[in-house]
C-alpha cells in the first residue's frame, strides 16, 4: 500500500505507522521540502516513488536521509532503466523494488523484484523469499541442511514466467526507445494546447532520463476529468484515472499522527488521467489520441 503516488509518498515511523508526505504539483513526486518536518526519532526509513519513471529530487533527499540516519527505499515500479544525472534509479537507496505487473514496461503478468544495495539485508531477503528457510545457504554449501529460521513466503516465479520476463528484458532497448518515441509524440502534439487550456502535462527536470512509463494529464477539476474520460471512451479510446491519495483512504485514515493535509496529492487524485501508452501502440494510434484530446479541448486542427 505504500507504493502508490499521485498519492503522497511515505515516511515510515514504524512498521505499523506510516506518515504520508505531500506531492509536488509539477513532477507528482514526493515534495522534498516537506520531508524533514515529518521525521521524528522513531523514523526508520523513507519510501519514495519515482512517479511515471521520473526521478525524485535525489540529491536533496539522500542528504536528508544521510543526515538523519534513516534508510532510503526506492519504489521503482514505474522507473526501470531511468536515471538521475546519469546514475540509474534504484541505486540510491538501501533497497529498491521493481514491478512486473501487466501494466508495467516489462511484465510477466504480476510480481516484482527486490534490489539490494546494502549487503546487510541480503541474507534475510533470501530467507523471506525462500518461505522463511535458509535454503539458499544450503545450496551454497554453507550449512549441511536447511530449516525454518524466520518468517517468509513463496516468492519464486515459475520457469515459464521467468522466460517471458527475460524475453522482455532482452528487448529492453527496443521497448524503451519505442515508449519514449510515443511519449515524445504526445508531448510535442499536446503541450502547447494543454497549457493554453489549463491542463497540466508531464514535467521532467533537467538531468533526468525517464522511463516513459506514463503520460499523465492533470485536468482542472474532477468534473473535467470525468467528462474527458467519457469523451475519450465515446471515441473508442480508453483513458484511466490514477490512484487515490492514500491519506484519504479508509486504511490511511486509521493511522495516527498524520499531517493535517496533503492538498496537492488530494487534488491530483481528482484531476489526474493517463493517456494510452504501451509498447504495442503505434504512432498512428497515438496521433488519433492527440486529435481526440485536442477536440475535447476545443482546439481546431
C-alpha atoms as a PDB file:
ATOM      1  CA  UNK A   1       0.000   0.000   0.000  1.00  0.00           C
ATOM      2  CA  UNK A   2       2.954   2.358   0.471  1.00  0.00           C
ATOM      3  CA  UNK A   3       3.960   2.236  -3.202  1.00  0.00           C
ATOM      4  CA  UNK A   4       1.281   4.457  -4.721  1.00  0.00           C
ATOM      5  CA  UNK A   5       1.705   8.084  -5.537  1.00  0.00           C
ATOM      6  CA  UNK A   6      -0.086  10.612  -7.019  1.00  0.00           C
ATOM      7  CA  UNK A   7      -0.998   9.943  -3.502  1.00  0.00           C
ATOM      8  CA  UNK A   8       1.701  11.078  -1.093  1.00  0.00           C
ATOM      9  CA  UNK A   9       4.935   9.188  -0.682  1.00  0.00           C
ATOM     10  CA  UNK A  10       5.619   7.752   2.738  1.00  0.00           C
ATOM     11  CA  UNK A  11       7.879   8.287   5.727  1.00  0.00           C
ATOM     12  CA  UNK A  12       7.761   5.177   7.918  1.00  0.00           C
ATOM     13  CA  UNK A  13       7.909   5.858  11.645  1.00  0.00           C
ATOM     14  CA  UNK A  14       7.418   2.149  12.428  1.00  0.00           C
ATOM     15  CA  UNK A  15       6.188  -0.900  10.505  1.00  0.00           C
ATOM     16  CA  UNK A  16       2.685  -0.028  11.698  1.00  0.00           C
ATOM     17  CA  UNK A  17       2.624   3.760  11.461  1.00  0.00           C
ATOM     18  CA  UNK A  18       3.343   5.254   8.047  1.00  0.00           C
ATOM     19  CA  UNK A  19       3.345   9.038   7.846  1.00  0.00           C
ATOM     20  CA  UNK A  20       2.325  10.457   4.486  1.00  0.00           C
ATOM     21  CA  UNK A  21       4.144  13.326   2.799  1.00  0.00           C
ATOM     22  CA  UNK A  22       2.529  15.547   0.178  1.00  0.00           C
ATOM     23  CA  UNK A  23       3.437  15.513  -3.517  1.00  0.00           C
ATOM     24  CA  UNK A  24       4.896  18.159  -5.792  1.00  0.00           C
ATOM     25  CA  UNK A  25       2.447  19.612  -8.295  1.00  0.00           C
ATOM     26  CA  UNK A  26       4.888  19.501 -11.216  1.00  0.00           C
ATOM     27  CA  UNK A  27       6.558  16.061 -11.178  1.00  0.00           C
ATOM     28  CA  UNK A  28       3.920  14.446  -8.889  1.00  0.00           C
ATOM     29  CA  UNK A  29       6.807  13.042  -6.852  1.00  0.00           C
ATOM     30  CA  UNK A  30       7.290  13.455  -3.114  1.00  0.00           C
ATOM     31  CA  UNK A  31       7.774  17.100  -2.093  1.00  0.00           C
ATOM     32  CA  UNK A  32      11.341  17.087  -0.799  1.00  0.00           C
ATOM     33  CA  UNK A  33      10.750  20.368   1.048  1.00  0.00           C
ATOM     34  CA  UNK A  34       8.156  18.732   3.302  1.00  0.00           C
ATOM     35  CA  UNK A  35      10.103  15.614   4.282  1.00  0.00           C
ATOM     36  CA  UNK A  36      12.295  16.830   7.102  1.00  0.00           C
ATOM     37  CA  UNK A  37       9.477  18.228   9.236  1.00  0.00           C
ATOM     38  CA  UNK A  38       7.824  14.782   9.257  1.00  0.00           C
ATOM     39  CA  UNK A  39      10.884  12.900  10.508  1.00  0.00           C
ATOM     40  CA  UNK A  40      10.918  12.001  14.212  1.00  0.00           C
ATOM     41  CA  UNK A  41      13.341   9.988  16.380  1.00  0.00           C
ATOM     42  CA  UNK A  42      11.179   6.914  15.612  1.00  0.00           C
ATOM     43  CA  UNK A  43      11.523   7.230  11.841  1.00  0.00           C
ATOM     44  CA  UNK A  44      13.431   4.322  10.314  1.00  0.00           C
ATOM     45  CA  UNK A  45      13.020   4.711   6.562  1.00  0.00           C
ATOM     46  CA  UNK A  46      11.746   6.943   3.830  1.00  0.00           C
ATOM     47  CA  UNK A  47       9.907   5.283   0.944  1.00  0.00           C
ATOM     48  CA  UNK A  48       9.623   7.280  -2.239  1.00  0.00           C
ATOM     49  CA  UNK A  49       8.028   6.637  -5.618  1.00  0.00           C
ATOM     50  CA  UNK A  50       9.653   7.767  -8.865  1.00  0.00           C
ATOM     51  CA  UNK A  51       6.280   8.605 -10.359  1.00  0.00           C
ATOM     52  CA  UNK A  52       5.937   7.835 -14.087  1.00  0.00           C
ATOM     53  CA  UNK A  53       9.626   6.895 -14.068  1.00  0.00           C
ATOM     54  CA  UNK A  54      10.750  10.482 -13.402  1.00  0.00           C
ATOM     55  CA  UNK A  55      13.347  10.738 -10.633  1.00  0.00           C
ATOM     56  CA  UNK A  56      12.596  12.455  -7.354  1.00  0.00           C
ATOM     57  CA  UNK A  57      14.944  15.216  -6.158  1.00  0.00           C
ATOM     58  CA  UNK A  58      17.508  12.654  -5.055  1.00  0.00           C
ATOM     59  CA  UNK A  59      20.363  14.978  -4.173  1.00  0.00           C
ATOM     60  CA  UNK A  60      18.208  16.691  -1.542  1.00  0.00           C
ATOM     61  CA  UNK A  61      16.529  13.502  -0.339  1.00  0.00           C
ATOM     62  CA  UNK A  62      19.677  11.392   0.014  1.00  0.00           C
ATOM     63  CA  UNK A  63      21.299  14.187   2.014  1.00  0.00           C
ATOM     64  CA  UNK A  64      18.306  14.306   4.371  1.00  0.00           C
ATOM     65  CA  UNK A  65      18.479  10.540   4.864  1.00  0.00           C
ATOM     66  CA  UNK A  66      22.241  10.651   5.455  1.00  0.00           C
ATOM     67  CA  UNK A  67      21.958  13.463   7.978  1.00  0.00           C
ATOM     68  CA  UNK A  68      19.031  11.892   9.823  1.00  0.00           C
ATOM     69  CA  UNK A  69      20.445   8.359   9.722  1.00  0.00           C
ATOM     70  CA  UNK A  70      17.423   6.770   8.057  1.00  0.00           C
ATOM     71  CA  UNK A  71      17.271   4.293   5.203  1.00  0.00           C
ATOM     72  CA  UNK A  72      16.037   5.264   1.751  1.00  0.00           C
ATOM     73  CA  UNK A  73      13.813   2.795  -0.127  1.00  0.00           C
ATOM     74  CA  UNK A  74      13.038   3.469  -3.803  1.00  0.00           C
ATOM     75  CA  UNK A  75       9.779   2.275  -5.332  1.00  0.00           C
ATOM     76  CA  UNK A  76      10.954   1.738  -8.894  1.00  0.00           C
ATOM     77  CA  UNK A  77       7.767   0.160 -10.246  1.00  0.00           C
ATOM     78  CA  UNK A  78       7.487   2.937 -12.858  1.00  0.00           C
ATOM     79  CA  UNK A  79      11.161   3.557 -13.498  1.00  0.00           C
ATOM     80  CA  UNK A  80      13.282   0.652 -14.762  1.00  0.00           C
ATOM     81  CA  UNK A  81      16.327   1.884 -16.705  1.00  0.00           C
ATOM     82  CA  UNK A  82      15.615   5.514 -15.812  1.00  0.00           C
ATOM     83  CA  UNK A  83      18.396   7.656 -14.350  1.00  0.00           C
ATOM     84  CA  UNK A  84      19.202  10.777 -12.362  1.00  0.00           C
ATOM     85  CA  UNK A  85      22.243  12.675 -13.671  1.00  0.00           C
ATOM     86  CA  UNK A  86      23.496   9.510 -15.344  1.00  0.00           C
ATOM     87  CA  UNK A  87      23.105   7.249 -12.314  1.00  0.00           C
ATOM     88  CA  UNK A  88      20.434   4.522 -12.562  1.00  0.00           C
ATOM     89  CA  UNK A  89      17.397   4.828 -10.348  1.00  0.00           C
ATOM     90  CA  UNK A  90      17.282   2.047  -7.811  1.00  0.00           C
ATOM     91  CA  UNK A  91      20.927   2.545  -6.839  1.00  0.00           C
ATOM     92  CA  UNK A  92      20.442   5.490  -4.463  1.00  0.00           C
ATOM     93  CA  UNK A  93      18.643   3.752  -1.611  1.00  0.00           C
ATOM     94  CA  UNK A  94      19.444   0.815   0.626  1.00  0.00           C
ATOM     95  CA  UNK A  95      16.964  -1.117  -1.477  1.00  0.00           C
ATOM     96  CA  UNK A  96      14.557  -0.663  -4.363  1.00  0.00           C
ATOM     97  CA  UNK A  97      11.524  -2.521  -5.661  1.00  0.00           C
ATOM     98  CA  UNK A  98      10.565  -3.368  -9.237  1.00  0.00           C
ATOM     99  CA  UNK A  99       7.123  -4.368 -10.504  1.00  0.00           C
ATOM    100  CA  UNK A 100       6.430  -6.792 -13.328  1.00  0.00           C
ATOM    101  CA  UNK A 101       2.667  -6.285 -13.283  1.00  0.00           C
ATOM    102  CA  UNK A 102       0.953  -6.460 -16.653  1.00  0.00           C
ATOM    103  CA  UNK A 103       0.769  -2.659 -16.930  1.00  0.00           C
ATOM    104  CA  UNK A 104       4.497  -2.097 -16.441  1.00  0.00           C
ATOM    105  CA  UNK A 105       7.257  -1.588 -19.033  1.00  0.00           C
ATOM    106  CA  UNK A 106       8.443  -5.176 -18.527  1.00  0.00           C
ATOM    107  CA  UNK A 107       5.986  -7.807 -17.371  1.00  0.00           C
ATOM    108  CA  UNK A 108       5.305 -11.446 -16.719  1.00  0.00           C
ATOM    109  CA  UNK A 109       1.792 -10.612 -15.525  1.00  0.00           C
ATOM    110  CA  UNK A 110       2.357  -9.942 -11.825  1.00  0.00           C
ATOM    111  CA  UNK A 111       5.002  -9.882  -9.101  1.00  0.00           C
ATOM    112  CA  UNK A 112       8.251  -7.999  -8.905  1.00  0.00           C
ATOM    113  CA  UNK A 113      11.829  -7.928  -7.686  1.00  0.00           C
ATOM    114  CA  UNK A 114      13.819  -6.546  -4.782  1.00  0.00           C
ATOM    115  CA  UNK A 115      17.110  -4.778  -5.499  1.00  0.00           C
ATOM    116  CA  UNK A 116      19.549  -4.629  -2.578  1.00  0.00           C
ATOM    117  CA  UNK A 117      22.363  -2.081  -2.374  1.00  0.00           C
ATOM    118  CA  UNK A 118      23.260  -2.897   1.231  1.00  0.00           C
ATOM    119  CA  UNK A 119      24.708  -6.357   1.866  1.00  0.00           C
ATOM    120  CA  UNK A 120      23.348  -6.338   5.432  1.00  0.00           C
ATOM    121  CA  UNK A 121      19.881  -7.114   4.092  1.00  0.00           C
ATOM    122  CA  UNK A 122      20.868  -9.876   1.673  1.00  0.00           C
ATOM    123  CA  UNK A 123      20.661 -12.942   3.908  1.00  0.00           C
ATOM    124  CA  UNK A 124      17.273 -12.037   5.414  1.00  0.00           C
ATOM    125  CA  UNK A 125      15.875 -11.216   1.970  1.00  0.00           C
ATOM    126  CA  UNK A 126      16.927 -14.677   0.778  1.00  0.00           C
ATOM    127  CA  UNK A 127      15.236 -16.260   3.782  1.00  0.00           C
ATOM    128  CA  UNK A 128      11.988 -14.349   3.305  1.00  0.00           C
ATOM    129  CA  UNK A 129      11.949 -15.312  -0.387  1.00  0.00           C
ATOM    130  CA  UNK A 130      12.588 -18.987   0.457  1.00  0.00           C
ATOM    131  CA  UNK A 131       9.499 -19.464   2.652  1.00  0.00           C
ATOM    132  CA  UNK A 132      11.382 -18.414   5.788  1.00  0.00           C
ATOM    133  CA  UNK A 133      14.111 -21.021   5.405  1.00  0.00           C
ATOM    134  CA  UNK A 134      17.886 -20.828   4.903  1.00  0.00           C
ATOM    135  CA  UNK A 135      17.628 -22.944   1.748  1.00  0.00           C
ATOM    136  CA  UNK A 136      19.873 -20.582  -0.238  1.00  0.00           C
ATOM    137  CA  UNK A 137      22.712 -21.146   2.227  1.00  0.00           C
ATOM    138  CA  UNK A 138      22.214 -24.901   1.888  1.00  0.00           C
ATOM    139  CA  UNK A 139      22.554 -24.707  -1.901  1.00  0.00           C
ATOM    140  CA  UNK A 140      25.807 -22.774  -1.474  1.00  0.00           C
ATOM    141  CA  UNK A 141      27.140 -25.475   0.852  1.00  0.00           C
ATOM    142  CA  UNK A 142      27.231 -23.150   3.860  1.00  0.00           C
ATOM    143  CA  UNK A 143      25.028 -25.420   6.025  1.00  0.00           C
ATOM    144  CA  UNK A 144      24.514 -29.202   5.895  1.00  0.00           C
ATOM    145  CA  UNK A 145      20.722 -28.916   5.880  1.00  0.00           C
ATOM    146  CA  UNK A 146      18.190 -26.165   5.639  1.00  0.00           C
ATOM    147  CA  UNK A 147      15.416 -25.386   8.092  1.00  0.00           C
ATOM    148  CA  UNK A 148      12.801 -22.791   9.037  1.00  0.00           C
ATOM    149  CA  UNK A 149      14.511 -19.782  10.625  1.00  0.00           C
ATOM    150  CA  UNK A 150      12.277 -16.725  10.046  1.00  0.00           C
ATOM    151  CA  UNK A 151       9.030 -15.513   8.543  1.00  0.00           C
ATOM    152  CA  UNK A 152       8.664 -15.685   4.776  1.00  0.00           C
ATOM    153  CA  UNK A 153       6.538 -16.818   1.876  1.00  0.00           C
ATOM    154  CA  UNK A 154       6.817 -18.338  -1.598  1.00  0.00           C
ATOM    155  CA  UNK A 155       8.002 -15.584  -3.928  1.00  0.00           C
ATOM    156  CA  UNK A 156       9.701 -17.627  -6.658  1.00  0.00           C
ATOM    157  CA  UNK A 157       8.257 -17.364 -10.153  1.00  0.00           C
ATOM    158  CA  UNK A 158       7.917 -20.332 -12.469  1.00  0.00           C
ATOM    159  CA  UNK A 159      10.429 -21.067 -15.226  1.00  0.00           C
ATOM    160  CA  UNK A 160       7.790 -20.224 -17.840  1.00  0.00           C
ATOM    161  CA  UNK A 161       7.116 -16.769 -16.385  1.00  0.00           C
ATOM    162  CA  UNK A 162      10.844 -16.162 -15.922  1.00  0.00           C
ATOM    163  CA  UNK A 163      11.387 -16.910 -19.619  1.00  0.00           C
ATOM    164  CA  UNK A 164       8.607 -14.466 -20.547  1.00  0.00           C
ATOM    165  CA  UNK A 165      10.178 -11.741 -18.428  1.00  0.00           C
ATOM    166  CA  UNK A 166      13.658 -12.478 -19.776  1.00  0.00           C
ATOM    167  CA  UNK A 167      12.411 -12.020 -23.337  1.00  0.00           C
ATOM    168  CA  UNK A 168      11.133  -8.561 -22.471  1.00  0.00           C
ATOM    169  CA  UNK A 169      14.338  -7.572 -20.694  1.00  0.00           C
ATOM    170  CA  UNK A 170      16.436  -8.755 -23.625  1.00  0.00           C
ATOM    171  CA  UNK A 171      14.388  -6.443 -25.851  1.00  0.00           C
ATOM    172  CA  UNK A 172      14.609  -3.569 -23.366  1.00  0.00           C
ATOM    173  CA  UNK A 173      16.424  -1.137 -25.668  1.00  0.00           C
ATOM    174  CA  UNK A 174      13.834  -1.536 -28.409  1.00  0.00           C
ATOM    175  CA  UNK A 175      10.918  -1.369 -25.958  1.00  0.00           C
ATOM    176  CA  UNK A 176      12.250   1.717 -24.213  1.00  0.00           C
ATOM    177  CA  UNK A 177      13.039   3.523 -27.485  1.00  0.00           C
ATOM    178  CA  UNK A 178       9.505   2.894 -28.743  1.00  0.00           C
ATOM    179  CA  UNK A 179       7.866   4.007 -25.489  1.00  0.00           C
ATOM    180  CA  UNK A 180       9.974   7.151 -25.424  1.00  0.00           C
ATOM    181  CA  UNK A 181       9.107   7.962 -29.043  1.00  0.00           C
ATOM    182  CA  UNK A 182       5.382   7.675 -28.188  1.00  0.00           C
ATOM    183  CA  UNK A 183       5.850   9.779 -25.046  1.00  0.00           C
ATOM    184  CA  UNK A 184       7.621  12.496 -27.045  1.00  0.00           C
ATOM    185  CA  UNK A 185       4.920  12.333 -29.722  1.00  0.00           C
ATOM    186  CA  UNK A 186       2.304  13.055 -27.067  1.00  0.00           C
ATOM    187  CA  UNK A 187       4.340  15.886 -25.549  1.00  0.00           C
ATOM    188  CA  UNK A 188       5.078  17.568 -28.875  1.00  0.00           C
ATOM    189  CA  UNK A 189       1.467  17.241 -30.001  1.00  0.00           C
ATOM    190  CA  UNK A 190      -0.246  18.339 -26.794  1.00  0.00           C
ATOM    191  CA  UNK A 191       1.874  20.573 -24.582  1.00  0.00           C
ATOM    192  CA  UNK A 192       1.038  23.948 -26.180  1.00  0.00           C
ATOM    193  CA  UNK A 193      -2.707  23.327 -26.441  1.00  0.00           C
ATOM    194  CA  UNK A 194      -2.919  21.814 -22.957  1.00  0.00           C
ATOM    195  CA  UNK A 195      -1.075  24.661 -21.307  1.00  0.00           C
ATOM    196  CA  UNK A 196      -3.240  27.258 -23.048  1.00  0.00           C
ATOM    197  CA  UNK A 197      -6.320  25.414 -21.761  1.00  0.00           C
ATOM    198  CA  UNK A 198      -5.060  24.989 -18.191  1.00  0.00           C
ATOM    199  CA  UNK A 199      -4.341  21.266 -18.448  1.00  0.00           C
ATOM    200  CA  UNK A 200      -1.073  20.028 -16.964  1.00  0.00           C
ATOM    201  CA  UNK A 201       1.425  17.916 -18.921  1.00  0.00           C
ATOM    202  CA  UNK A 202       4.389  15.898 -17.556  1.00  0.00           C
ATOM    203  CA  UNK A 203       7.405  17.751 -16.193  1.00  0.00           C
ATOM    204  CA  UNK A 204      10.872  16.197 -16.449  1.00  0.00           C
ATOM    205  CA  UNK A 205      13.624  18.052 -14.551  1.00  0.00           C
ATOM    206  CA  UNK A 206      16.990  18.736 -16.116  1.00  0.00           C
ATOM    207  CA  UNK A 207      19.427  15.857 -15.760  1.00  0.00           C
ATOM    208  CA  UNK A 208      16.692  13.216 -15.555  1.00  0.00           C
ATOM    209  CA  UNK A 209      16.229  10.469 -18.134  1.00  0.00           C
ATOM    210  CA  UNK A 210      12.832   8.870 -17.540  1.00  0.00           C
ATOM    211  CA  UNK A 211      11.308   5.512 -18.449  1.00  0.00           C
ATOM    212  CA  UNK A 212       8.301   6.772 -20.465  1.00  0.00           C
ATOM    213  CA  UNK A 213       6.085   4.662 -18.258  1.00  0.00           C
ATOM    214  CA  UNK A 214       3.076   7.006 -18.063  1.00  0.00           C
ATOM    215  CA  UNK A 215       1.913  10.101 -19.903  1.00  0.00           C
ATOM    216  CA  UNK A 216      -0.412  11.806 -17.409  1.00  0.00           C
ATOM    217  CA  UNK A 217      -2.574  14.854 -17.904  1.00  0.00           C
ATOM    218  CA  UNK A 218      -3.778  16.934 -14.957  1.00  0.00           C
ATOM    219  CA  UNK A 219      -7.247  18.327 -15.533  1.00  0.00           C
ATOM    220  CA  UNK A 220      -8.587  21.426 -13.783  1.00  0.00           C
ATOM    221  CA  UNK A 221     -11.208  19.548 -11.752  1.00  0.00           C
ATOM    222  CA  UNK A 222     -12.750  16.167 -11.048  1.00  0.00           C
ATOM    223  CA  UNK A 223     -15.714  17.093 -13.231  1.00  0.00           C
ATOM    224  CA  UNK A 224     -13.479  17.926 -16.194  1.00  0.00           C
ATOM    225  CA  UNK A 225     -11.551  14.692 -15.752  1.00  0.00           C
ATOM    226  CA  UNK A 226     -14.721  12.612 -15.733  1.00  0.00           C
ATOM    227  CA  UNK A 227     -16.023  14.485 -18.797  1.00  0.00           C
ATOM    228  CA  UNK A 228     -12.702  13.816 -20.523  1.00  0.00           C
ATOM    229  CA  UNK A 229     -12.785  10.082 -19.787  1.00  0.00           C
ATOM    230  CA  UNK A 230     -16.358   9.826 -21.088  1.00  0.00           C
ATOM    231  CA  UNK A 231     -15.446  11.850 -24.199  1.00  0.00           C
ATOM    232  CA  UNK A 232     -12.448   9.653 -24.988  1.00  0.00           C
ATOM    233  CA  UNK A 233     -14.498   6.491 -24.397  1.00  0.00           C
ATOM    234  CA  UNK A 234     -17.061   7.661 -26.954  1.00  0.00           C
ATOM    235  CA  UNK A 235     -14.160   7.982 -29.413  1.00  0.00           C
ATOM    236  CA  UNK A 236     -13.005   4.425 -28.714  1.00  0.00           C
ATOM    237  CA  UNK A 237     -10.017   5.459 -26.559  1.00  0.00           C
ATOM    238  CA  UNK A 238      -9.590   4.152 -23.027  1.00  0.00           C
ATOM    239  CA  UNK A 239      -8.123   6.615 -20.526  1.00  0.00           C
ATOM    240  CA  UNK A 240      -7.906   5.809 -16.835  1.00  0.00           C
ATOM    241  CA  UNK A 241      -7.639   7.911 -13.709  1.00  0.00           C
ATOM    242  CA  UNK A 242      -4.687   7.133 -11.487  1.00  0.00           C
ATOM    243  CA  UNK A 243      -4.632   6.401  -7.756  1.00  0.00           C
ATOM    244  CA  UNK A 244      -6.433   7.740  -4.751  1.00  0.00           C
ATOM    245  CA  UNK A 245      -4.437   9.760  -2.259  1.00  0.00           C
ATOM    246  CA  UNK A 246      -3.519   7.261   0.454  1.00  0.00           C
ATOM    247  CA  UNK A 247      -4.065   9.579   3.392  1.00  0.00           C
ATOM    248  CA  UNK A 248      -7.745   9.800   2.353  1.00  0.00           C
ATOM    249  CA  UNK A 249      -8.331   6.040   2.095  1.00  0.00           C
ATOM    250  CA  UNK A 250     -10.181   4.052   4.792  1.00  0.00           C
ATOM    251  CA  UNK A 251      -6.887   2.411   5.837  1.00  0.00           C
ATOM    252  CA  UNK A 252      -4.885   5.616   5.660  1.00  0.00           C
ATOM    253  CA  UNK A 253      -7.336   7.395   7.954  1.00  0.00           C
ATOM    254  CA  UNK A 254      -6.684   4.831  10.699  1.00  0.00           C
ATOM    255  CA  UNK A 255      -3.034   5.819  11.147  1.00  0.00           C
ATOM    256  CA  UNK A 256      -2.360   8.331  13.934  1.00  0.00           C
ATOM    257  CA  UNK A 257      -0.033  11.304  13.772  1.00  0.00           C
ATOM    258  CA  UNK A 258      -0.671  12.334  10.170  1.00  0.00           C
ATOM    259  CA  UNK A 259      -0.026  15.857   8.866  1.00  0.00           C
ATOM    260  CA  UNK A 260      -3.178  17.988   8.719  1.00  0.00           C
ATOM    261  CA  UNK A 261      -3.497  17.678   4.977  1.00  0.00           C
ATOM    262  CA  UNK A 262      -1.810  16.727   1.720  1.00  0.00           C
ATOM    263  CA  UNK A 263      -3.597  19.172  -0.594  1.00  0.00           C
ATOM    264  CA  UNK A 264      -1.536  18.567  -3.722  1.00  0.00           C
ATOM    265  CA  UNK A 265      -1.966  14.791  -3.523  1.00  0.00           C
ATOM    266  CA  UNK A 266      -5.687  15.182  -2.839  1.00  0.00           C
ATOM    267  CA  UNK A 267      -6.104  17.432  -5.875  1.00  0.00           C
ATOM    268  CA  UNK A 268      -4.115  15.100  -8.115  1.00  0.00           C
ATOM    269  CA  UNK A 269      -6.301  12.198  -7.050  1.00  0.00           C
ATOM    270  CA  UNK A 270      -9.268  14.033  -8.559  1.00  0.00           C
ATOM    271  CA  UNK A 271      -7.546  15.520 -11.593  1.00  0.00           C
ATOM    272  CA  UNK A 272      -5.002  13.033 -12.934  1.00  0.00           C
ATOM    273  CA  UNK A 273      -5.701  10.914 -16.032  1.00  0.00           C
ATOM    274  CA  UNK A 274      -3.457   8.662 -18.154  1.00  0.00           C
ATOM    275  CA  UNK A 275      -3.276   8.532 -21.919  1.00  0.00           C
ATOM    276  CA  UNK A 276      -2.790   5.113 -23.574  1.00  0.00           C
ATOM    277  CA  UNK A 277       0.893   4.162 -23.627  1.00  0.00           C
ATOM    278  CA  UNK A 278       2.291   0.675 -24.174  1.00  0.00           C
ATOM    279  CA  UNK A 279       4.971  -0.813 -26.375  1.00  0.00           C
ATOM    280  CA  UNK A 280       2.452  -2.178 -28.895  1.00  0.00           C
ATOM    281  CA  UNK A 281       0.842   1.207 -29.503  1.00  0.00           C
ATOM    282  CA  UNK A 282       1.587   2.551 -32.978  1.00  0.00           C
ATOM    283  CA  UNK A 283       2.362   6.203 -33.846  1.00  0.00           C
ATOM    284  CA  UNK A 284      -0.799   6.481 -35.965  1.00  0.00           C
ATOM    285  CA  UNK A 285      -2.861   5.408 -32.952  1.00  0.00           C
ATOM    286  CA  UNK A 286      -1.076   7.908 -30.716  1.00  0.00           C
ATOM    287  CA  UNK A 287      -1.832  10.663 -33.228  1.00  0.00           C
ATOM    288  CA  UNK A 288      -5.516   9.709 -33.082  1.00  0.00           C
ATOM    289  CA  UNK A 289      -5.344  10.098 -29.300  1.00  0.00           C
ATOM    290  CA  UNK A 290      -3.771  13.533 -29.742  1.00  0.00           C
ATOM    291  CA  UNK A 291      -6.538  14.600 -32.132  1.00  0.00           C
ATOM    292  CA  UNK A 292      -9.205  13.425 -29.691  1.00  0.00           C
ATOM    293  CA  UNK A 293      -7.611  15.335 -26.795  1.00  0.00           C
ATOM    294  CA  UNK A 294      -7.492  18.470 -28.968  1.00  0.00           C
ATOM    295  CA  UNK A 295     -11.149  18.004 -29.888  1.00  0.00           C
ATOM    296  CA  UNK A 296     -12.075  17.752 -26.196  1.00  0.00           C
ATOM    297  CA  UNK A 297     -10.175  20.969 -25.510  1.00  0.00           C
ATOM    298  CA  UNK A 298     -11.963  22.675 -28.398  1.00  0.00           C
ATOM    299  CA  UNK A 299      -8.761  23.185 -30.397  1.00  0.00           C
ATOM    300  CA  UNK A 300      -9.176  23.329 -34.160  1.00  0.00           C
ATOM    301  CA  UNK A 301      -6.634  21.375 -36.193  1.00  0.00           C
END
